[in-house]
Amino acid sequence: MIIHTLKEQGKIHPPHWLINNVQYLTIIGSEAYGVTKDESDHDIYGFVIPPKEEIFPHLKGEIPGFGKHFRRFEQWEEHHILHNGKQYDFTVYSIVKYFQLCMENNPNIIDSLSTPQNCVIHITQIGQMVRENRKMFLHKGVWHKFKGYAYSQMHKMKSKERDGKRKEMVDKYGYDVKFAYHIVRLLNEVEQILIEGDLDLQRNNEQLKSIRRGEWSEQQIIDYFNAKEKHLEELYTKSTLPNLPDEQRIKALLLQCLEQHYGSLDKVVITTDKYEQALRQISEICKSLGM
C-alpha cells in the first residue's frame, strides 16, 4: 500500500494506527474521470476505522456536555507529496465522517465510491461492502449539492486572477479550462444520478477531454450550464430517488462495518428494532399532545 511505503520513507506522517486500519483508498480526480494528463496529480481519497474509543468516546470517560472533551479524529490530510516523479494528495476520513459526507451527497465523496476499478488501490471486505452499497446514500438532495459545486466552479472560471500553470492556461485559452470541465462534469454526473440512481464517472470523458483541450469557448460553457440547469430542475421533480436519505438504513450499514472490524458492539451500542422505534414515536406524539 502506497501510504505504508511513503510512511517508511518519512514522506508522510499519519496517526500511528491509521495504516493498519485503512479500509478503502481510491484515486479520484482526472484519472478517475478519464481525462488525465501526464502532469496530473494523484488525488487519493478513502476511509479508515479509528480505534474504538474514537468512535465511542464514552469508552474513555467522556461525558457529552461535561468537562473536557477529547479531540476526535475526523480526517488525515497531506498534500503535494512527491513520489516516483508524481505528486500525491491524500485525504483519508474516519468512517463516521465518510458516511456523513456520503449521506449529504458531497460530490467528491460520491465520486470516490464510483471510481473505475483500476483506480481502487486498496480495499478490504468492509470497503467493498460500502462500495457495493453506494446507491443507498443517494437522494434528491444530490441536485442541490452538485449544483452548488458547479456554481462555485463557474465563479472560479469567470475570475481571471491566476498564477503559475493556471495563469498560463488562461493566457492560452482565454479562460480556465480546468474549472470549465468540472462544471460540465458535475452537471453530467448529477444528471446520471437523478435518472439512473448510479454513476459512471467516465461516460462523458471524450466531451470533457475536448473542453480541457480548449475546443469549447467560455461562452459555450456558460450556455451549456444555463441549458442544463433548466433541464436538471425538471429531472429533479421527476426523479424516483427518495427526497431524503434513509438515515436508519445507512446507520445500520455503518454499525455493520464497525461490528465486522471491532467484533460485537453489544457493550457500546444499544440498537432498537422498528417496533421499539414506532412505540417511541407514538409516545413522543402523545406527550406533545398532552396525553
Foldseek 3Di string as FASTA:
>chain_A
DVVVVCVVVVQDDDPPPFPVFWAWKFWDDPVQLVQDDPQDATEIEGEGADPPCLVQVVVVPDDPPDDDDDDHFFWDWDFQGDDPNHTYTYIYGYPVNLLVCLLLLQPVSLRRLQGPPVRIPHHDPLRVLCSVCSLLSDFLSNVVNLVVLLVVLLVQFPDQDDDDPQVVCCVVQVTRLVSLLSNVQSLVQVVCCQAPSHGRSHPCSVVSNCSVVNVDHNVNSVVVNVVSVVVVVVSSVVGPGHNHRPVVVSVVSVVVSVCVVPPDCVPRDDDDDPVVVVVVVVVVVCVVVVD
